[in-house]
N, C-alpha and C. Protein backbone atom coordinates (compact mmCIF):
# COMPACT_ATOMS: atom_id res chain seq x y z
N UNK A 1 -16.95 3.44 -12.45
CA UNK A 1 -17.55 1.63 -12.31
C UNK A 1 -17.99 1.17 -10.77
N UNK A 2 -18.93 0.41 -11.67
CA UNK A 2 -19.69 -0.61 -10.13
C UNK A 2 -18.64 -1.86 -9.39
N UNK A 3 -18.72 -2.04 -8.04
CA UNK A 3 -17.85 -2.96 -8.35
C UNK A 3 -18.85 -4.33 -7.91
N UNK A 4 -20.18 -4.20 -8.05
CA UNK A 4 -20.43 -5.03 -8.20
C UNK A 4 -20.06 -6.29 -9.29
N UNK A 5 -19.75 -5.52 -10.20
CA UNK A 5 -19.51 -6.68 -11.74
C UNK A 5 -18.50 -7.32 -11.27
N UNK A 6 -18.21 -8.84 -11.62
CA UNK A 6 -17.38 -10.00 -11.40
C UNK A 6 -15.87 -8.95 -11.97
N UNK A 7 -16.04 -8.60 -12.71
CA UNK A 7 -14.53 -8.62 -12.78
C UNK A 7 -13.89 -6.47 -12.82
N UNK A 8 -14.52 -6.60 -11.88
CA UNK A 8 -14.98 -5.11 -11.53
C UNK A 8 -12.98 -4.46 -11.21
N UNK A 9 -12.93 -5.55 -10.00
CA UNK A 9 -11.49 -5.22 -9.61
C UNK A 9 -10.44 -5.53 -10.42
N UNK A 10 -10.62 -6.72 -11.17
CA UNK A 10 -9.24 -7.17 -11.94
C UNK A 10 -9.13 -5.93 -13.38
N UNK A 11 -10.34 -5.31 -13.69
CA UNK A 11 -10.22 -3.85 -14.28
C UNK A 11 -9.73 -2.73 -13.64
N UNK A 12 -10.29 -2.28 -12.65
CA UNK A 12 -9.43 -1.33 -12.17
C UNK A 12 -7.90 -1.19 -11.66
N UNK A 13 -7.65 -2.45 -11.32
CA UNK A 13 -6.43 -3.02 -11.01
C UNK A 13 -5.42 -2.69 -12.37
N UNK A 14 -6.07 -3.03 -13.51
CA UNK A 14 -5.45 -2.63 -14.58
C UNK A 14 -5.29 -1.40 -15.11
N UNK A 15 -6.40 -0.83 -14.93
CA UNK A 15 -6.36 0.58 -15.50
C UNK A 15 -5.29 1.39 -14.24
N UNK A 16 -4.99 1.01 -13.01
CA UNK A 16 -3.86 1.18 -12.08
C UNK A 16 -2.63 1.30 -12.31
N UNK A 17 -2.61 -0.07 -13.05
CA UNK A 17 -1.24 -0.41 -13.12
C UNK A 17 -1.04 0.42 -14.90
N UNK A 18 -1.67 0.84 -15.67
CA UNK A 18 -1.28 1.43 -17.00
C UNK A 18 -0.81 2.79 -15.94
N UNK A 19 -1.99 3.29 -15.57
CA UNK A 19 -1.50 5.05 -14.77
C UNK A 19 -0.29 4.89 -14.11
N UNK A 20 0.15 4.19 -13.38
CA UNK A 20 1.32 4.97 -12.72
C UNK A 20 2.38 3.35 -12.81
N UNK A 21 2.17 2.89 -14.00
CA UNK A 21 3.78 1.94 -15.48
C UNK A 21 4.83 2.91 -14.92
N UNK A 22 5.34 3.67 -15.09
CA UNK A 22 6.37 4.50 -14.79
C UNK A 22 6.99 4.42 -13.09
N UNK A 23 5.62 4.17 -12.40
CA UNK A 23 6.12 4.84 -10.88
C UNK A 23 6.34 3.63 -10.27
N UNK A 24 5.54 2.93 -10.61
CA UNK A 24 5.23 1.29 -9.58
C UNK A 24 6.69 0.98 -9.50
N UNK A 25 6.60 0.63 -7.95
CA UNK A 25 8.08 -0.13 -7.89
C UNK A 25 9.44 1.05 -7.40
N UNK A 26 9.19 1.68 -8.15
CA UNK A 26 10.25 2.95 -7.81
C UNK A 26 9.92 4.00 -6.75
N UNK A 27 8.99 4.55 -7.07
CA UNK A 27 7.99 5.70 -6.22
C UNK A 27 6.59 5.64 -5.53
N UNK A 28 6.11 4.29 -6.27
CA UNK A 28 4.69 4.23 -5.90
C UNK A 28 4.66 2.76 -5.09
N UNK A 29 3.29 2.30 -4.62
CA UNK A 29 2.53 0.87 -4.29
C UNK A 29 1.57 1.07 -4.65
N UNK A 30 0.69 0.05 -5.71
CA UNK A 30 -0.68 -0.01 -5.65
C UNK A 30 -1.07 -0.89 -6.08
N UNK A 31 -2.19 -1.03 -5.55
CA UNK A 31 -2.72 -2.51 -5.23
C UNK A 31 -4.31 -2.24 -5.39
N UNK A 32 -4.89 -2.00 -6.00
CA UNK A 32 -6.40 -2.08 -6.60
C UNK A 32 -6.88 -0.59 -6.03
N UNK A 33 -7.63 0.10 -4.94
CA UNK A 33 -7.73 1.28 -4.85
C UNK A 33 -6.84 2.27 -3.61
N UNK A 34 -5.46 1.04 -3.12
CA UNK A 34 -4.91 1.59 -2.07
C UNK A 34 -3.61 2.00 -2.71
N UNK A 35 -2.39 3.62 -2.54
CA UNK A 35 -1.84 3.54 -3.22
C UNK A 35 -0.67 4.36 -2.32
N UNK A 36 0.10 4.21 -2.05
CA UNK A 36 1.12 4.70 -1.49
C UNK A 36 2.32 5.03 -2.26
N UNK A 37 2.94 6.38 -1.88
CA UNK A 37 3.74 6.70 -2.87
C UNK A 37 5.16 6.91 -1.41
N UNK A 38 6.45 6.87 -2.07
CA UNK A 38 7.37 6.55 -1.01
C UNK A 38 8.84 7.16 -1.30
N UNK A 39 9.12 7.90 -0.42
CA UNK A 39 10.62 8.84 -1.18
C UNK A 39 11.40 7.90 0.52
N UNK A 40 13.05 8.18 -0.03
CA UNK A 40 14.06 7.76 0.81
C UNK A 40 14.53 9.35 1.52
N UNK A 41 13.96 10.31 0.69
CA UNK A 41 14.63 11.66 1.77
C UNK A 41 12.87 12.56 1.68
N UNK A 42 13.25 13.56 2.52
CA UNK A 42 11.77 14.26 3.04
C UNK A 42 11.65 14.85 1.49
N UNK A 43 12.65 15.67 1.23
CA UNK A 43 12.90 16.86 -0.13
C UNK A 43 12.22 16.62 -0.93
N UNK A 44 12.51 14.66 -1.63
CA UNK A 44 12.10 14.29 -2.80
C UNK A 44 10.46 13.87 -2.72
N UNK A 45 9.99 14.09 -1.41
CA UNK A 45 8.65 13.54 -1.61
C UNK A 45 7.50 14.45 -2.19
N UNK A 46 7.63 15.71 -1.59
CA UNK A 46 6.75 16.52 -2.69
C UNK A 46 7.05 16.31 -4.43
N UNK A 47 7.74 16.17 -5.03
CA UNK A 47 8.09 16.20 -6.22
C UNK A 47 7.50 14.56 -6.57
N UNK A 48 7.83 13.38 -5.68
CA UNK A 48 7.13 12.33 -5.79
C UNK A 48 5.23 12.28 -5.82
N UNK A 49 5.00 13.52 -4.96
CA UNK A 49 3.54 13.16 -4.79
C UNK A 49 3.13 13.79 -5.70
N UNK A 50 4.21 15.30 -6.26
CA UNK A 50 3.12 16.21 -7.40
C UNK A 50 3.13 15.26 -8.37
N UNK A 51 3.97 14.31 -8.50
CA UNK A 51 3.91 13.68 -10.27
C UNK A 51 2.78 12.55 -9.71
N UNK A 52 2.27 12.13 -8.75
CA UNK A 52 1.47 11.12 -8.73
C UNK A 52 0.65 11.87 -9.15
N UNK A 53 -0.30 13.18 -8.41
CA UNK A 53 -1.16 13.51 -9.01
C UNK A 53 -1.51 14.55 -10.25
N UNK A 54 -0.36 14.25 -10.44
CA UNK A 54 -0.33 14.69 -11.90
C UNK A 54 -0.84 13.92 -13.21
N UNK A 55 -0.48 13.09 -12.97
CA UNK A 55 -0.81 11.83 -13.90
C UNK A 55 -2.45 11.11 -12.96
N UNK A 56 -2.85 11.30 -11.70
CA UNK A 56 -4.49 11.01 -11.56
C UNK A 56 -4.74 12.49 -11.55
N UNK A 57 -4.87 13.49 -12.32
CA UNK A 57 -5.32 14.58 -12.54
C UNK A 57 -5.83 14.57 -14.28
N UNK A 58 -4.92 14.12 -14.64
CA UNK A 58 -4.75 14.39 -16.12
C UNK A 58 -5.50 12.58 -16.61
N UNK A 59 -5.95 11.35 -15.41
CA UNK A 59 -6.80 10.95 -15.87
C UNK A 59 -8.09 10.59 -15.31
N UNK A 60 -8.02 12.17 -14.52
CA UNK A 60 -9.39 11.58 -14.13
C UNK A 60 -9.76 11.46 -12.96
N UNK A 61 -9.39 10.98 -12.50
CA UNK A 61 -9.09 10.01 -10.96
C UNK A 61 -8.93 10.77 -9.79
N UNK A 62 -9.90 10.60 -8.27
CA UNK A 62 -10.49 11.32 -7.72
C UNK A 62 -9.71 10.79 -6.43
N UNK A 63 -9.61 11.51 -5.30
CA UNK A 63 -9.59 10.60 -4.46
C UNK A 63 -10.40 11.24 -3.03
N UNK A 64 -10.42 10.14 -1.98
CA UNK A 64 -11.43 10.87 -1.05
C UNK A 64 -10.71 11.53 0.03
N UNK A 65 -10.50 12.51 0.34
CA UNK A 65 -9.72 13.12 1.45
C UNK A 65 -9.16 12.58 2.65
N UNK A 66 -10.84 12.05 2.83
CA UNK A 66 -10.51 11.75 4.38
C UNK A 66 -10.26 9.92 4.47
N UNK A 67 -10.06 9.07 3.22
CA UNK A 67 -9.12 8.72 3.68
C UNK A 67 -7.49 8.60 3.21
N UNK A 68 -6.59 9.13 3.30
CA UNK A 68 -5.78 10.30 2.69
C UNK A 68 -4.91 10.67 3.99
N UNK A 69 -3.30 10.46 4.08
CA UNK A 69 -2.56 10.89 4.78
C UNK A 69 -1.48 11.48 4.49
N UNK A 70 -1.47 12.48 4.60
CA UNK A 70 0.52 12.33 3.90
C UNK A 70 1.24 12.88 4.93
N UNK A 71 2.45 12.86 5.03
CA UNK A 71 4.08 12.94 5.55
C UNK A 71 3.79 12.20 6.35
N UNK A 72 3.21 10.51 6.91
CA UNK A 72 3.47 9.45 7.72
C UNK A 72 4.77 9.64 7.23
N UNK A 73 5.79 8.89 8.07
CA UNK A 73 6.91 8.32 8.16
C UNK A 73 6.65 6.77 8.29
N UNK A 74 5.36 6.53 8.59
CA UNK A 74 5.72 4.27 9.05
C UNK A 74 3.70 4.26 9.45
N UNK A 75 3.06 3.42 9.01
CA UNK A 75 1.54 3.12 8.49
C UNK A 75 0.84 1.63 8.42
N UNK A 76 0.25 1.34 8.12
CA UNK A 76 -0.23 -0.03 7.69
C UNK A 76 -0.20 0.21 5.77
N UNK A 77 0.34 -0.79 5.87
CA UNK A 77 -0.82 -0.71 3.28
C UNK A 77 -0.64 -2.45 3.27
N UNK A 78 -1.83 -2.64 2.87
CA UNK A 78 -2.11 -4.01 2.88
C UNK A 78 -1.70 -4.85 3.90
N UNK A 79 -1.83 -4.62 5.49
CA UNK A 79 -2.00 -5.86 5.88
C UNK A 79 -0.36 -5.47 6.39
N UNK A 80 0.39 -5.03 6.54
CA UNK A 80 1.43 -4.77 6.57
C UNK A 80 2.35 -3.50 7.38
N UNK A 81 3.39 -3.46 7.91
CA UNK A 81 3.73 -2.39 8.38
C UNK A 81 5.21 -1.25 7.39
N UNK A 82 4.75 -0.13 6.94
CA UNK A 82 5.46 0.19 5.98
C UNK A 82 6.39 1.41 7.18
N UNK A 83 7.47 1.34 7.24
CA UNK A 83 8.41 1.81 7.91
C UNK A 83 9.87 2.43 6.78
N UNK A 84 10.69 3.15 7.74
CA UNK A 84 11.64 3.72 7.13
C UNK A 84 12.53 2.75 6.87
N UNK A 85 12.48 1.56 7.25
CA UNK A 85 13.59 0.60 7.52
C UNK A 85 12.79 -0.67 6.50
N UNK A 86 11.76 -0.60 5.81
CA UNK A 86 11.31 -1.06 4.86
C UNK A 86 9.57 -1.77 5.82
N UNK A 87 9.49 -2.59 4.47
CA UNK A 87 8.45 -4.00 5.20
C UNK A 87 8.85 -4.56 5.71
N UNK A 88 8.15 -4.85 6.85
CA UNK A 88 7.85 -5.45 8.00
C UNK A 88 6.16 -6.03 8.47
N UNK A 89 6.18 -7.08 9.23
CA UNK A 89 4.67 -8.15 9.43
C UNK A 89 4.48 -6.93 10.29
N UNK A 90 2.66 -6.74 10.47
CA UNK A 90 2.25 -6.04 11.35
C UNK A 90 2.32 -7.15 12.97
N UNK A 91 3.06 -6.43 13.82
CA UNK A 91 2.41 -7.14 14.88
C UNK A 91 1.36 -7.79 15.64
N UNK A 92 -0.08 -6.93 14.82
CA UNK A 92 -1.15 -7.70 15.17
C UNK A 92 -1.72 -8.84 14.66
N UNK A 93 -0.97 -9.40 13.49
CA UNK A 93 -1.32 -10.17 13.10
C UNK A 93 -0.73 -10.94 13.30
N UNK A 94 1.06 -11.59 13.68
CA UNK A 94 1.46 -11.58 14.11
C UNK A 94 1.92 -12.55 15.57
N UNK A 95 0.53 -11.81 16.26
CA UNK A 95 0.59 -11.86 17.98
C UNK A 95 0.46 -13.51 18.34
N UNK A 96 -0.60 -13.75 17.52
CA UNK A 96 -0.70 -15.37 17.78
C UNK A 96 0.88 -16.18 17.93
N UNK A 97 1.43 -16.05 16.72
CA UNK A 97 2.80 -16.69 16.50
C UNK A 97 3.68 -16.03 17.50
N UNK A 98 3.42 -15.30 17.97
CA UNK A 98 4.54 -14.45 19.22
C UNK A 98 4.39 -14.92 20.77
N UNK A 99 3.02 -15.22 20.80
CA UNK A 99 3.29 -15.39 22.46
C UNK A 99 2.83 -17.83 22.18
N UNK A 100 3.21 -18.10 21.04
CA UNK A 100 2.81 -19.06 21.36
C UNK A 100 4.28 -19.96 21.98
N UNK A 101 3.36 -21.03 23.07
CA UNK A 101 4.55 -21.56 23.99
C UNK A 101 5.38 -22.41 23.03
N UNK A 102 6.45 -23.20 23.20
CA UNK A 102 6.71 -24.24 22.53
C UNK A 102 6.50 -25.23 22.98
N UNK A 103 6.23 -26.13 22.59
CA UNK A 103 5.87 -27.85 22.56
C UNK A 103 6.45 -28.07 23.38
N UNK A 104 6.12 -29.16 24.76
CA UNK A 104 6.55 -29.38 25.55
C UNK A 104 6.96 -31.14 25.14
N UNK A 105 6.54 -31.38 25.07
CA UNK A 105 6.88 -33.37 24.17
C UNK A 105 5.88 -33.29 23.46
N UNK A 106 6.42 -34.71 22.65
CA UNK A 106 6.36 -35.11 21.17
C UNK A 106 4.82 -34.63 21.03
N UNK A 107 4.26 -35.39 22.05
CA UNK A 107 2.72 -35.18 22.02
C UNK A 107 2.24 -33.79 21.02
N UNK A 108 2.78 -33.11 21.63
CA UNK A 108 2.18 -31.82 21.52
C UNK A 108 2.97 -31.37 20.13
N UNK A 109 3.51 -31.53 19.91
CA UNK A 109 4.32 -31.06 18.27
C UNK A 109 3.40 -31.59 17.66
C-alpha cells in the first residue's frame, strides 16, 4: 500500500486491528507498523510468538528482519519504556522535567 495516500495509515491500522483482533491487549500491542508481543513468562513467549507469526503468515504480511528484536526484556515502544514492571515514561522524554529547578519566587511561577 502506498503511504502517500491520505488515508493509508488509518487503513493499515484497521488491517492490523482486524488481523490481531483476538490478541490485542492480551499478548500483543499494535500501532500501525509497530508490533509488540508480550508475555509474563519466558516459556509462554514462544507460543505467543508462534501465534503471531501464524496470523502474519495467513494474511501474507512480511516483517523486516533488520527491524525485529526477539527475547528483549525491556525496550522502547512508541516513545515509552516497556519493562517487566510495565509501561514507564522514557527518561529521555522527561529529562527536562526532572532537571527543572523549582521556582524561587512568585514571579518565576
